[in-house]
Amino acid sequence: MTLAGRIERLPPISRAALQYLKRIKQLPVKALFARILVAGFLAMAGTLALQPLFVGALVLTRQHADLPAIRAHITQAFADGVLSVDETPRQFIHRGGHQFTECTGLLVSIDPEPDPLKAALRPVMHSRYVGPCGEVESLAKGIETGERTDYARYWHGYRVYLWPMLSVFSLGTTRFVNAVLLLAATLYFFFGLRRAIGATPAAAFFIVLLSLTDIWRMWNITTHALSMALILAGSGLFARLYPTRRNLTLAIVVAALSGAIFNYVDFLINPPMMPMLFAFIVMATELAQPAPITRQAVVPAVIAAGFTALAWFGGYGLTWATEWGLAVWMSPDAHQQGLSIIKQITLRLYGVEADSVVPMYPLVPTLTMILQAFISVGSAVVAVFAGALFVHLRTHWQAFDWRRFLLLSSPTLVSMAWFEILNNHTQTHSHFTYRSESAAIAIVFAAALLATDAPVTLRSLLVNLWRVIKRRPAHATAA
């Protein structure tokens, strides 16, 4: 029997599957995966090359850090009302944010360990880590304690910034520098995103993001400010590179290196935000108007966006694995160090803490993040903008492409997956983990505008909303 005859005798569903595979082979998917494989090797090589640089940067800055000056500046910060033992500083401008994290970062930074390599790779807090603001004040004043808390599960790369800054400047001045860096990163990202997706979608994204997050006052928590500045600056750079070159190899390598650098300075604050933004930029570039939404366009776009996000997490995870390996290697009790790290990993996934019990059910973390995002007073601004967007979509409903909208919104699944996997951490620290969800909501607003083939400006959106509001009372009176 011929091959064609055998195919004809197959069940209908099998014949349909063969036809689908035949059509898939006509797409340039094989070449695409070959490029992804090469890019993956380059990304891994680049990420591994960064690891000794990370170690060297910590050791070098620790060698030149003026610890007595840093302790004096921290002590003065308490006296001036910039810091407070009760986590509510006397100076109003320095209040807010997660003061607990700020004091933790300072506590790690003044570890008096004389060996720079050991201080870099095995950071220890000279306290029980119960009230870090009170503990950092005591240690800064020279009050020693026999208590020790190992904190080697993070790189604590933010110390590369804190050590030289606090050696020279006060904490208050350092925080104002944080504000300048954060503002510069925000503007850089805005103009990069504007070039990538257009003025109005970029404006919509930023209106929602700034309204539903605390970026505007994050500067008083150094670790949070550095983390967010890196997210925005890195995403701004990606938004400038990818749309002009559309090179998947470059996207994967840049994403992996960005994930590695982010892990170096981050405190597990908002990891899913950057890969989500990278994936969104790729999707928006590949599915830009007026290109039709066809399988030949969608499959490469989804693959490119997906592997870009995966590359970011690959660089992020490899850097973390390197830190854990170094911590175990440097520890006098490698077995106990390894168990401590594993315990923290399981805790942050689905673990239960005695003093912080959260419901461990599917979708609860995601719903919690959505609710947390809309607690902000900026929700009123988002509501107004949502009304303006609704009026625009209703007027141009025929120009709205649901498939394009869903595809452009799909990168928000990155944050959702992170929330669900790190169930405990997401809910326990919802007061700052929610920022990634705010960015996801901002993506949905931008995607709605990108999916509507009707040019519009921010001003016209608001003007049209105002016209609708003004018309309604007149209609009601006539009725």
Foldseek 3Di string as FASTA:
>chain_A
DDPVVVLVPDPPVVVVVVVVVVVVVVFCVVVVVVLLVVLLVLQVVVLVVCQVVLLVLQLVLLVVFDLLLLLVLLLVCCVVQLQDQVQAGPDNLNHDDDSLLLLVLSQQLNPVPPRSSCSQQWGKGQDPSPRSRVSSNCVSVPNGDPDIDTDLLARQSLSSVVRVDSSPDHLVVQLVVLQVLLVVLQVLLLVLVCVQQHNALSVLLVLLLVLLDDSNSNSSRSLSSVLNSLLSNLLSVLSNPCLVPVRLSVLLNSLLNSLQVSRNSHPPFANLQNLLSSLLSLLCSQPFPPDDDDPSSQVSSNVSSVSSSVSNVVSNVVNSVVSLVSNLVPDPHNVVSNVVSVVVLVCQFQNADPVFGDDLDPPPLVVLLVVSSCVGPSVVVVVLLVLLLVLVCVVQVVQADPVQLCSSLVSLVSLSVVCNRRVNNSVRPVNRNSSSVSSSVSSSSSSRVRRGPDDDHPVRSNVSSVVVVVVVVVVVVVD
